[in-house]
Amino acid sequence: MLRNGLEPWHLLLVVVVAILVFGSKKLPDTARALGKSMRILKSEARAMKDDETVGARTTNPATPSATAGRTAQS
């Protein structure tokens, strides 16, 4: 039934429907806004991933300065 997911005529049909719905004048603006939104989403996802890795590094309790202070007090 579904041997090939997307064939070239599927993409052509999507383009034709997009032109009919949005019109040829608004299509470039819509594509530009979609691209900008994708860049923002990508940068925010990267920032969240970076924050997660930095948070994991700072919560490590076995830092050398913390263990040195404990042994000196004992």
N, C-alpha and C. Protein backbone atom coordinates (compact mmCIF):
# COMPACT_ATOMS: atom_id res chain seq x y z
N MET A 1 0.82 -1.18 0.00
CA MET A 1 0.00 0.00 0.00
C MET A 1 0.87 1.26 0.00
N LEU A 2 1.72 1.44 1.01
CA LEU A 2 2.61 2.60 1.08
C LEU A 2 4.05 2.16 0.84
N ARG A 3 4.37 1.89 -0.39
CA ARG A 3 5.74 1.47 -0.70
C ARG A 3 6.68 2.66 -0.60
N ASN A 4 6.33 3.76 -1.22
CA ASN A 4 7.14 4.97 -1.19
C ASN A 4 6.36 6.05 -0.46
N GLY A 5 6.98 6.62 0.58
CA GLY A 5 6.27 7.61 1.38
C GLY A 5 5.89 8.85 0.61
N LEU A 6 6.87 9.53 0.04
CA LEU A 6 6.59 10.74 -0.72
C LEU A 6 7.11 10.57 -2.14
N GLU A 7 6.27 10.80 -3.07
CA GLU A 7 6.65 10.77 -4.48
C GLU A 7 6.67 12.20 -4.98
N PRO A 8 7.31 12.46 -6.11
CA PRO A 8 7.38 13.84 -6.61
C PRO A 8 6.02 14.51 -6.82
N TRP A 9 5.03 13.76 -7.22
CA TRP A 9 3.73 14.39 -7.45
C TRP A 9 3.07 14.79 -6.14
N HIS A 10 3.44 14.16 -5.01
CA HIS A 10 2.92 14.60 -3.71
C HIS A 10 3.44 15.99 -3.39
N LEU A 11 4.73 16.20 -3.60
CA LEU A 11 5.32 17.51 -3.33
C LEU A 11 4.74 18.58 -4.23
N LEU A 12 4.50 18.24 -5.48
CA LEU A 12 3.88 19.18 -6.41
C LEU A 12 2.49 19.57 -5.94
N LEU A 13 1.74 18.60 -5.47
CA LEU A 13 0.40 18.86 -4.96
C LEU A 13 0.45 19.78 -3.73
N VAL A 14 1.40 19.57 -2.85
CA VAL A 14 1.54 20.41 -1.66
C VAL A 14 1.87 21.84 -2.06
N VAL A 15 2.74 22.02 -3.03
CA VAL A 15 3.10 23.36 -3.50
C VAL A 15 1.89 24.06 -4.12
N VAL A 16 1.13 23.36 -4.91
CA VAL A 16 -0.05 23.96 -5.54
C VAL A 16 -1.07 24.37 -4.49
N VAL A 17 -1.30 23.52 -3.51
CA VAL A 17 -2.24 23.86 -2.43
C VAL A 17 -1.74 25.06 -1.64
N ALA A 18 -0.44 25.12 -1.37
CA ALA A 18 0.12 26.26 -0.63
C ALA A 18 -0.06 27.55 -1.41
N ILE A 19 0.14 27.51 -2.70
CA ILE A 19 -0.06 28.72 -3.52
C ILE A 19 -1.52 29.13 -3.53
N LEU A 20 -2.42 28.17 -3.59
CA LEU A 20 -3.85 28.50 -3.58
C LEU A 20 -4.29 29.06 -2.24
N VAL A 21 -3.75 28.53 -1.15
CA VAL A 21 -4.17 28.98 0.18
C VAL A 21 -3.56 30.34 0.52
N PHE A 22 -2.25 30.48 0.34
CA PHE A 22 -1.57 31.69 0.77
C PHE A 22 -1.48 32.76 -0.31
N GLY A 23 -1.55 32.38 -1.54
CA GLY A 23 -1.39 33.34 -2.63
C GLY A 23 0.09 33.50 -2.95
N SER A 24 0.38 33.86 -4.18
CA SER A 24 1.77 33.94 -4.62
C SER A 24 2.51 35.13 -4.00
N LYS A 25 1.80 36.17 -3.59
CA LYS A 25 2.47 37.33 -3.00
C LYS A 25 2.86 37.11 -1.54
N LYS A 26 2.08 36.35 -0.81
CA LYS A 26 2.38 36.13 0.61
C LYS A 26 3.26 34.92 0.85
N LEU A 27 3.46 34.09 -0.14
CA LEU A 27 4.24 32.87 0.04
C LEU A 27 5.69 33.14 0.43
N PRO A 28 6.42 34.09 -0.18
CA PRO A 28 7.79 34.36 0.26
C PRO A 28 7.85 34.87 1.70
N ASP A 29 6.91 35.72 2.08
CA ASP A 29 6.88 36.21 3.46
C ASP A 29 6.61 35.09 4.45
N THR A 30 5.73 34.19 4.08
CA THR A 30 5.41 33.05 4.93
C THR A 30 6.62 32.13 5.08
N ALA A 31 7.31 31.88 3.99
CA ALA A 31 8.51 31.03 4.04
C ALA A 31 9.60 31.69 4.87
N ARG A 32 9.77 32.99 4.76
CA ARG A 32 10.76 33.72 5.54
C ARG A 32 10.43 33.66 7.03
N ALA A 33 9.17 33.83 7.37
CA ALA A 33 8.76 33.77 8.77
C ALA A 33 8.95 32.35 9.33
N LEU A 34 8.66 31.34 8.53
CA LEU A 34 8.85 29.97 8.96
C LEU A 34 10.34 29.68 9.19
N GLY A 35 11.20 30.15 8.30
CA GLY A 35 12.64 29.97 8.47
C GLY A 35 13.16 30.66 9.71
N LYS A 36 12.68 31.86 9.97
CA LYS A 36 13.09 32.60 11.16
C LYS A 36 12.64 31.87 12.43
N SER A 37 11.43 31.36 12.42
CA SER A 37 10.92 30.62 13.57
C SER A 37 11.72 29.35 13.81
N MET A 38 12.11 28.67 12.75
CA MET A 38 12.92 27.46 12.89
C MET A 38 14.30 27.78 13.46
N ARG A 39 14.91 28.89 13.04
CA ARG A 39 16.21 29.29 13.59
C ARG A 39 16.10 29.60 15.07
N ILE A 40 15.04 30.30 15.47
CA ILE A 40 14.84 30.63 16.88
C ILE A 40 14.64 29.36 17.70
N LEU A 41 13.82 28.45 17.20
CA LEU A 41 13.58 27.19 17.90
C LEU A 41 14.88 26.40 18.06
N LYS A 42 15.67 26.35 17.01
CA LYS A 42 16.94 25.62 17.05
C LYS A 42 17.90 26.24 18.06
N SER A 43 18.00 27.56 18.09
CA SER A 43 18.91 28.21 19.03
C SER A 43 18.44 28.04 20.47
N GLU A 44 17.14 28.08 20.69
CA GLU A 44 16.62 27.88 22.05
C GLU A 44 16.83 26.44 22.52
N ALA A 45 16.65 25.48 21.63
CA ALA A 45 16.89 24.08 21.99
C ALA A 45 18.36 23.86 22.31
N ARG A 46 19.25 24.49 21.54
CA ARG A 46 20.69 24.38 21.80
C ARG A 46 21.03 25.02 23.14
N ALA A 47 20.42 26.16 23.46
CA ALA A 47 20.68 26.83 24.73
C ALA A 47 20.20 25.98 25.90
N MET A 48 19.05 25.36 25.76
CA MET A 48 18.54 24.49 26.83
C MET A 48 19.46 23.29 27.03
N LYS A 49 19.97 22.74 25.94
CA LYS A 49 20.88 21.60 26.03
C LYS A 49 22.19 22.02 26.71
N ASP A 50 22.70 23.20 26.35
CA ASP A 50 23.92 23.70 26.98
C ASP A 50 23.71 23.97 28.46
N ASP A 51 22.56 24.53 28.83
CA ASP A 51 22.26 24.78 30.24
C ASP A 51 22.18 23.48 31.02
N GLU A 52 21.64 22.46 30.40
CA GLU A 52 21.51 21.16 31.06
C GLU A 52 22.88 20.54 31.32
N THR A 53 23.80 20.64 30.36
CA THR A 53 25.12 20.06 30.56
C THR A 53 25.93 20.87 31.56
N VAL A 54 25.78 22.19 31.58
CA VAL A 54 26.48 23.02 32.56
C VAL A 54 25.93 22.75 33.95
N GLY A 55 24.62 22.58 34.08
CA GLY A 55 24.00 22.29 35.37
C GLY A 55 24.47 20.96 35.92
N ALA A 56 24.66 19.98 35.07
CA ALA A 56 25.13 18.66 35.51
C ALA A 56 26.57 18.75 36.00
N ARG A 57 27.36 19.60 35.40
CA ARG A 57 28.76 19.75 35.81
C ARG A 57 28.87 20.48 37.14
N THR A 58 28.02 21.47 37.39
CA THR A 58 28.14 22.26 38.62
C THR A 58 27.55 21.55 39.83
N THR A 59 26.70 20.57 39.64
CA THR A 59 26.11 19.88 40.78
C THR A 59 26.93 18.68 41.23
N ASN A 60 28.10 18.49 40.67
CA ASN A 60 28.97 17.38 41.06
C ASN A 60 29.55 17.68 42.45
N PRO A 61 29.22 16.90 43.49
CA PRO A 61 29.66 17.22 44.85
C PRO A 61 31.13 16.89 45.11
N ALA A 62 31.77 16.14 44.27
CA ALA A 62 33.15 15.72 44.53
C ALA A 62 34.16 16.66 43.89
N THR A 63 34.06 17.94 44.20
CA THR A 63 35.04 18.89 43.68
C THR A 63 36.25 18.90 44.60
N PRO A 64 37.43 19.14 44.10
CA PRO A 64 38.64 19.10 44.93
C PRO A 64 38.64 20.11 46.06
N SER A 65 38.12 21.31 45.85
CA SER A 65 38.13 22.32 46.91
C SER A 65 37.19 21.95 48.05
N ALA A 66 36.07 21.34 47.74
CA ALA A 66 35.11 20.94 48.78
C ALA A 66 35.67 19.80 49.61
N THR A 67 36.35 18.85 49.00
CA THR A 67 36.90 17.74 49.77
C THR A 67 38.12 18.17 50.56
N ALA A 68 38.86 19.16 50.08
CA ALA A 68 40.03 19.64 50.82
C ALA A 68 39.58 20.35 52.10
N GLY A 69 38.50 21.09 52.03
CA GLY A 69 38.01 21.79 53.22
C GLY A 69 37.49 20.82 54.26
N ARG A 70 36.90 19.74 53.86
CA ARG A 70 36.36 18.75 54.80
C ARG A 70 37.49 17.99 55.51
N THR A 71 38.55 17.66 54.78
CA THR A 71 39.64 16.90 55.40
C THR A 71 40.44 17.76 56.35
N ALA A 72 40.54 19.07 56.07
CA ALA A 72 41.29 19.95 56.95
C ALA A 72 40.56 20.16 58.28
N GLN A 73 39.22 20.13 58.27
CA GLN A 73 38.45 20.34 59.49
C GLN A 73 38.44 19.08 60.34
N SER A 74 38.60 17.92 59.79
CA SER A 74 38.51 16.65 60.54
C SER A 74 39.66 16.46 61.46
